[in-house]
Amino acid sequence: MSRQMWALVVVGAILALATLVGAVLLAVRVVRTRRLLGTLGVSGKVAFYGALIYTISPVDLLPDPIYLDDMGVLAGALIYLTRLVQRRRAAGRSLPGQPGRTGVPPGPGQSRQIVS
């Protein structure tokens, strides 16, 4: 093979590796949001599990060496789940592990509020 062909192969391999790493990082972030699923409702669960199933599934819009479609689905799910969390916080409802009206005790350094 010529030098130019080797350079193209190396660049292609680096791009494929970078997209794979990006897809894995996005998948990890989506999995970390799993603890919030009970409070985000059915649409949050559908977005979470749908994104993971699409990423794992062998049927893709683009061939498997190109993870751009998987990354797009995972990023879309993260954006959607983030908006659901922001709406819940704006409505004044607490999330799991956060102090609020649900009877979760305050964390270290936080004071209890007495409501009369």
Protein backbone atom coordinates (compact mmCIF):
# COMPACT_ATOMS: atom_id res chain seq x y z
CA MET A 1 0.00 0.00 0.00
CA SER A 2 1.09 3.54 -0.63
CA ARG A 3 1.76 6.09 2.08
CA GLN A 4 -1.41 7.98 1.29
CA MET A 5 -3.51 4.85 1.67
CA TRP A 6 -1.93 4.08 5.05
CA ALA A 7 -2.61 7.66 6.16
CA LEU A 8 -6.28 7.29 5.19
CA VAL A 9 -6.54 3.99 7.07
CA VAL A 10 -4.96 5.50 10.19
CA VAL A 11 -7.21 8.60 10.06
CA GLY A 12 -10.27 6.39 9.55
CA ALA A 13 -9.30 4.18 12.49
CA ILE A 14 -8.79 7.23 14.73
CA LEU A 15 -12.18 8.64 13.74
CA ALA A 16 -13.89 5.28 14.33
CA LEU A 17 -12.24 5.00 17.75
CA ALA A 18 -13.23 8.55 18.67
CA THR A 19 -16.87 7.97 17.75
CA LEU A 20 -16.88 4.67 19.68
CA VAL A 21 -15.48 6.40 22.77
CA GLY A 22 -18.06 9.17 22.39
CA ALA A 23 -20.91 6.66 22.13
CA VAL A 24 -19.67 4.78 25.21
CA LEU A 25 -19.38 8.00 27.23
CA LEU A 26 -22.90 9.03 26.24
CA ALA A 27 -24.22 5.57 27.14
CA VAL A 28 -22.57 5.83 30.57
CA ARG A 29 -24.22 9.21 31.17
CA VAL A 30 -27.60 7.84 30.15
CA VAL A 31 -27.17 4.85 32.50
CA ARG A 32 -26.28 7.21 35.36
CA THR A 33 -29.64 8.91 34.95
CA ARG A 34 -31.37 5.59 35.62
CA ARG A 35 -31.81 6.45 39.32
CA LEU A 36 -34.16 9.28 38.32
CA LEU A 37 -36.45 7.13 36.18
CA GLY A 38 -38.98 6.44 38.91
CA THR A 39 -39.72 10.14 39.28
CA LEU A 40 -39.64 11.15 35.62
CA GLY A 41 -42.69 9.20 34.53
CA VAL A 42 -43.38 6.93 31.60
CA SER A 43 -41.91 9.26 28.96
CA GLY A 44 -38.57 9.33 30.80
CA LYS A 45 -38.51 5.54 30.98
CA VAL A 46 -39.35 5.24 27.28
CA ALA A 47 -36.58 7.69 26.33
CA PHE A 48 -34.05 5.90 28.56
CA TYR A 49 -34.79 2.33 27.52
CA GLY A 50 -35.43 3.26 23.89
CA ALA A 51 -32.02 4.92 23.59
CA LEU A 52 -30.25 1.97 25.19
CA ILE A 53 -32.07 -0.60 23.07
CA TYR A 54 -31.31 1.34 19.88
CA THR A 55 -27.63 1.64 20.82
CA ILE A 56 -27.28 -2.06 21.63
CA SER A 57 -29.43 -3.29 18.75
CA PRO A 58 -27.64 -4.54 15.63
CA VAL A 59 -30.21 -2.74 13.40
CA ASP A 60 -29.01 0.82 12.78
CA LEU A 61 -29.58 3.66 10.37
CA LEU A 62 -25.84 3.73 9.65
CA PRO A 63 -23.48 0.72 9.61
CA ASP A 64 -21.94 -0.23 12.96
CA PRO A 65 -18.43 1.15 12.40
CA ILE A 66 -20.09 4.58 12.19
CA TYR A 67 -21.56 5.34 15.63
CA LEU A 68 -22.94 8.77 14.77
CA ASP A 69 -26.56 7.60 14.76
CA ASP A 70 -26.11 5.90 18.13
CA MET A 71 -24.50 9.03 19.52
CA GLY A 72 -27.36 11.13 18.20
CA VAL A 73 -29.99 8.92 19.83
CA LEU A 74 -28.11 8.88 23.16
CA ALA A 75 -27.57 12.65 23.08
CA GLY A 76 -31.25 13.21 22.26
CA ALA A 77 -32.27 11.01 25.19
CA LEU A 78 -29.94 12.92 27.52
CA ILE A 79 -31.33 16.25 26.36
CA TYR A 80 -34.89 15.03 26.84
CA LEU A 81 -34.18 13.57 30.30
CA THR A 82 -32.39 16.78 31.33
CA ARG A 83 -35.43 18.83 30.33
CA LEU A 84 -37.69 16.51 32.33
CA VAL A 85 -35.47 16.97 35.39
CA GLN A 86 -35.47 20.76 34.94
CA ARG A 87 -39.28 20.81 34.68
CA ARG A 88 -39.55 18.74 37.84
CA ARG A 89 -37.21 21.07 39.71
CA ALA A 90 -39.08 24.13 38.41
CA ALA A 91 -42.34 22.63 39.66
CA GLY A 92 -40.78 22.45 43.13
CA ARG A 93 -40.77 18.67 43.39
CA SER A 94 -37.60 17.09 44.71
CA LEU A 95 -35.66 14.34 43.00
CA PRO A 96 -34.32 11.16 44.67
CA GLY A 97 -31.43 11.91 47.01
CA GLN A 98 -32.30 15.58 47.30
CA PRO A 99 -33.96 17.16 50.32
CA GLY A 100 -37.44 18.41 49.72
CA ARG A 101 -41.09 17.87 50.53
CA THR A 102 -40.95 14.10 50.13
CA GLY A 103 -39.55 13.44 53.60
CA VAL A 104 -35.97 12.89 52.54
CA PRO A 105 -33.75 14.11 55.36
CA PRO A 106 -31.44 17.01 54.52
CA GLY A 107 -27.84 16.23 53.70
CA PRO A 108 -24.79 17.37 55.67
CA GLY A 109 -24.55 21.13 55.98
CA GLN A 110 -28.23 21.66 55.13
CA SER A 111 -30.73 22.89 57.67
CA ARG A 112 -34.24 21.59 58.17
CA GLN A 113 -37.07 23.91 57.31
CA ILE A 114 -40.07 23.97 59.55
CA VAL A 115 -43.30 24.48 57.65
CA SER A 116 -46.30 25.65 59.65
